[in-house]
Amino acid sequence: MRTARIKETTSACYHVMSRVVDKQRILDDHEKERFRLSLRALEGFSGCRVLTYSILENHFHVLLHVPERQEVSDEEFLARVACLYPSQQVKSLATCLESLRVGGQAEAAEALKRRYTVRMYDLSQFMKTLKQRFTQGYNRRHGRKGTLWEERFKSVLVEGQGRSLATVAAYIDLNAVRAHLAADPKDYRFCGYGEAVSGAAPA
């Protein structure tokens, strides 16, 4: 029997982790970069903030801030959808929304938006989308089928600010050092600290 996850209904931070099935070391640098790009795209879509992360050969860690759910204007909604979906789909959504608004069908417009916004500001939806989208791409690239990840993702609610968050962030960024992938996390391309040191704006 599956146990319910502990999720805050207000703003909260979580340390989340998931491992490749059978602990296979299949995430090479090319796949790690694809995963990093997927993570950042989903961050832009979801309204959640990636505080740091580490992508290893057979698992990943993310420290994620999930804000309290809030209303999203049409303009912001379309900007967020553009982070995750093709431009043609965004244009089609924009046309539909404008048509519904002009036609006085406000409820229909909001219902259309809810098909996407239900996946915003939500830990479980964030992880589900991240893992599913990466799996689909990986399977397509490597001619495989089936799940890529073991079980459900693991999550720990990080209570408090400051020292608590810094401790968890350090633990995550040091994963590459413990795995002997780098002598210093600043030299590892696929963690939040390394990305920040390189000057990347999102980190």
Protein backbone atom coordinates (compact mmCIF):
# COMPACT_ATOMS: atom_id res chain seq x y z
CA MET A 1 0.00 0.00 0.00
CA ARG A 2 1.38 3.39 -1.00
CA THR A 3 1.78 5.92 1.79
CA ALA A 4 0.79 9.53 1.24
CA ARG A 5 3.58 12.03 0.74
CA ILE A 6 4.16 14.80 3.25
CA LYS A 7 3.57 18.02 1.33
CA GLU A 8 3.11 21.49 2.72
CA THR A 9 0.17 23.53 1.46
CA THR A 10 2.21 26.71 1.81
CA SER A 11 5.69 27.63 0.56
CA ALA A 12 8.23 24.88 1.35
CA CYS A 13 11.59 23.41 0.33
CA TYR A 14 12.20 19.74 -0.46
CA HIS A 15 15.22 17.55 -1.07
CA VAL A 16 14.11 15.12 -3.77
CA MET A 17 15.98 12.18 -5.28
CA SER A 18 15.37 9.45 -7.82
CA ARG A 19 17.53 6.57 -9.04
CA VAL A 20 17.83 4.81 -12.42
CA VAL A 21 16.26 1.34 -12.46
CA ASP A 22 18.67 -1.39 -11.31
CA LYS A 23 21.16 1.39 -10.49
CA GLN A 24 22.47 1.29 -14.06
CA ARG A 25 25.11 3.93 -14.81
CA ILE A 26 23.56 5.14 -18.04
CA LEU A 27 23.64 8.92 -17.62
CA ASP A 28 26.74 10.02 -19.53
CA ASP A 29 27.63 13.69 -19.98
CA HIS A 30 25.35 14.02 -23.01
CA GLU A 31 22.34 12.67 -21.08
CA LYS A 32 23.20 14.66 -17.97
CA GLU A 33 23.12 17.84 -20.05
CA ARG A 34 19.76 16.91 -21.51
CA PHE A 35 18.47 16.25 -18.00
CA ARG A 36 19.83 19.62 -16.80
CA LEU A 37 18.07 21.42 -19.65
CA SER A 38 14.82 19.59 -18.86
CA LEU A 39 15.16 20.56 -15.19
CA ARG A 40 15.62 24.24 -16.05
CA ALA A 41 12.77 24.20 -18.57
CA LEU A 42 10.41 22.72 -16.00
CA GLU A 43 11.58 25.26 -13.44
CA GLY A 44 10.51 28.03 -15.84
CA PHE A 45 7.14 26.39 -16.44
CA SER A 46 6.22 25.35 -12.91
CA GLY A 47 6.89 28.43 -10.81
CA CYS A 48 9.06 26.26 -8.55
CA ARG A 49 12.70 27.23 -7.97
CA VAL A 50 15.65 24.87 -8.23
CA LEU A 51 17.96 25.94 -5.39
CA THR A 52 20.62 23.41 -6.39
CA TYR A 53 20.92 19.95 -7.91
CA SER A 54 23.35 17.18 -8.75
CA ILE A 55 23.05 14.77 -11.67
CA LEU A 56 25.11 11.60 -11.29
CA GLU A 57 25.54 8.54 -13.51
CA ASN A 58 22.59 6.64 -12.02
CA HIS A 59 20.60 9.11 -9.90
CA PHE A 60 19.91 12.77 -9.25
CA HIS A 61 19.23 15.10 -6.33
CA VAL A 62 17.30 18.40 -6.42
CA LEU A 63 16.71 20.98 -3.69
CA LEU A 64 13.42 22.51 -4.75
CA HIS A 65 11.49 25.50 -3.42
CA VAL A 66 7.76 25.12 -4.06
CA PRO A 67 5.95 28.44 -3.51
CA GLU A 68 2.36 28.78 -2.44
CA ARG A 69 0.00 28.44 -5.41
CA GLN A 70 -0.91 31.75 -7.02
CA GLU A 71 -2.96 33.10 -9.90
CA VAL A 72 -1.18 33.38 -13.24
CA SER A 73 -2.05 36.09 -15.79
CA ASP A 74 -2.54 35.11 -19.42
CA GLU A 75 0.75 36.77 -20.34
CA GLU A 76 2.74 34.95 -17.66
CA PHE A 77 0.92 31.71 -18.43
CA LEU A 78 1.99 31.82 -22.08
CA ALA A 79 5.56 32.72 -21.13
CA ARG A 80 5.72 29.71 -18.82
CA VAL A 81 4.19 27.32 -21.33
CA ALA A 82 6.85 28.49 -23.82
CA CYS A 83 9.53 27.13 -21.46
CA LEU A 84 8.25 23.57 -21.93
CA TYR A 85 6.28 23.34 -25.17
CA PRO A 86 6.96 24.02 -28.89
CA SER A 87 6.32 27.52 -30.21
CA GLN A 88 3.49 26.32 -32.44
CA GLN A 89 1.60 24.95 -29.43
CA VAL A 90 2.12 28.22 -27.57
CA LYS A 91 0.82 30.22 -30.53
CA SER A 92 -2.24 27.99 -30.75
CA LEU A 93 -2.92 28.44 -27.02
CA ALA A 94 -2.53 32.20 -27.31
CA THR A 95 -5.00 32.32 -30.20
CA CYS A 96 -7.54 30.17 -28.33
CA LEU A 97 -7.25 32.24 -25.15
CA GLU A 98 -7.66 35.52 -27.00
CA SER A 99 -10.67 34.17 -28.90
CA LEU A 100 -12.34 33.02 -25.67
CA ARG A 101 -11.63 36.32 -23.89
CA VAL A 102 -12.95 38.41 -26.79
CA GLY A 103 -16.00 36.19 -26.99
CA GLY A 104 -16.80 36.75 -23.31
CA GLN A 105 -16.09 33.13 -22.38
CA ALA A 106 -13.99 33.78 -19.30
CA GLU A 107 -14.81 30.45 -17.64
CA ALA A 108 -13.78 28.50 -20.73
CA ALA A 109 -10.53 30.48 -20.90
CA GLU A 110 -9.73 29.66 -17.27
CA ALA A 111 -10.59 25.99 -17.84
CA LEU A 112 -8.13 25.92 -20.75
CA LYS A 113 -5.41 27.42 -18.55
CA ARG A 114 -6.12 24.97 -15.72
CA ARG A 115 -5.15 22.06 -17.97
CA TYR A 116 -1.60 23.39 -17.61
CA THR A 117 -1.58 25.36 -14.35
CA VAL A 118 -2.65 22.27 -12.35
CA ARG A 119 0.96 21.13 -12.82
CA MET A 120 2.41 24.37 -11.47
CA TYR A 121 3.41 24.98 -7.82
CA ASP A 122 3.27 21.27 -7.03
CA LEU A 123 6.10 18.95 -5.96
CA SER A 124 4.57 15.70 -7.23
CA GLN A 125 3.63 17.19 -10.60
CA PHE A 126 7.11 18.69 -10.96
CA MET A 127 8.79 15.33 -10.41
CA LYS A 128 6.29 13.38 -12.49
CA THR A 129 6.73 15.71 -15.46
CA LEU A 130 10.52 15.80 -15.13
CA LYS A 131 10.92 12.04 -14.98
CA GLN A 132 8.33 11.25 -17.65
CA ARG A 133 9.63 13.77 -20.18
CA PHE A 134 13.24 12.69 -19.72
CA THR A 135 12.29 9.00 -19.94
CA GLN A 136 10.39 9.55 -23.20
CA GLY A 137 13.35 11.34 -24.75
CA TYR A 138 15.89 8.84 -23.45
CA ASN A 139 13.87 5.86 -24.69
CA ARG A 140 13.46 7.48 -28.11
CA ARG A 141 17.19 8.21 -28.39
CA HIS A 142 18.26 4.73 -27.26
CA GLY A 143 15.54 2.58 -28.80
CA ARG A 144 14.31 1.24 -25.48
CA LYS A 145 10.90 0.91 -23.79
CA GLY A 146 9.61 1.00 -20.24
CA THR A 147 10.42 2.87 -17.09
CA LEU A 148 13.82 4.46 -16.53
CA TRP A 149 13.49 5.18 -12.80
CA GLU A 150 13.17 2.97 -9.74
CA GLU A 151 9.93 3.33 -7.75
CA ARG A 152 8.60 6.74 -6.73
CA PHE A 153 10.93 9.61 -6.06
CA LYS A 154 12.08 10.16 -2.48
CA SER A 155 11.44 13.51 -0.83
CA VAL A 156 12.39 15.14 2.47
CA LEU A 157 10.82 18.35 3.69
CA VAL A 158 13.59 20.79 4.66
CA GLU A 159 12.34 22.78 7.62
CA GLY A 160 13.80 26.15 8.52
CA GLN A 161 15.90 28.49 6.44
CA GLY A 162 19.55 29.54 6.40
CA ARG A 163 21.73 26.84 7.94
CA SER A 164 19.31 23.98 7.20
CA LEU A 165 19.08 24.84 3.52
CA ALA A 166 22.83 25.47 3.27
CA THR A 167 23.59 22.07 4.83
CA VAL A 168 21.31 20.20 2.42
CA ALA A 169 22.61 22.23 -0.55
CA ALA A 170 26.21 21.38 0.39
CA TYR A 171 25.33 17.70 0.71
CA ILE A 172 23.78 17.74 -2.78
CA ASP A 173 26.63 19.68 -4.44
CA LEU A 174 29.26 17.40 -2.87
CA ASN A 175 27.74 14.26 -4.41
CA ALA A 176 30.09 14.48 -7.37
CA VAL A 177 33.09 14.61 -5.03
CA ARG A 178 31.90 11.57 -3.08
CA ALA A 179 31.36 9.73 -6.38
CA HIS A 180 34.92 10.66 -7.49
CA LEU A 181 33.61 12.56 -10.51
CA ALA A 182 35.37 15.77 -9.48
CA ALA A 183 37.81 16.94 -6.82
CA ASP A 184 35.78 20.11 -6.23
CA PRO A 185 32.06 20.71 -7.00
CA LYS A 186 32.96 23.94 -8.82
CA ASP A 187 34.58 21.75 -11.49
CA TYR A 188 31.51 19.55 -11.98
CA ARG A 189 29.27 20.81 -14.78
CA PHE A 190 26.16 18.97 -13.64
CA CYS A 191 25.51 20.42 -10.17
CA GLY A 192 24.06 23.74 -9.08
CA TYR A 193 27.31 24.97 -7.55
CA GLY A 194 29.34 24.19 -10.66
CA GLU A 195 26.71 25.85 -12.83
CA ALA A 196 26.72 28.95 -10.64
CA VAL A 197 30.53 29.23 -10.63
CA SER A 198 30.51 29.03 -14.44
CA GLY A 199 28.34 32.17 -14.47
CA ALA A 200 25.07 30.61 -15.66
CA ALA A 201 22.21 32.98 -14.80
CA PRO A 202 19.63 30.38 -13.61
CA ALA A 203 22.04 29.01 -10.97
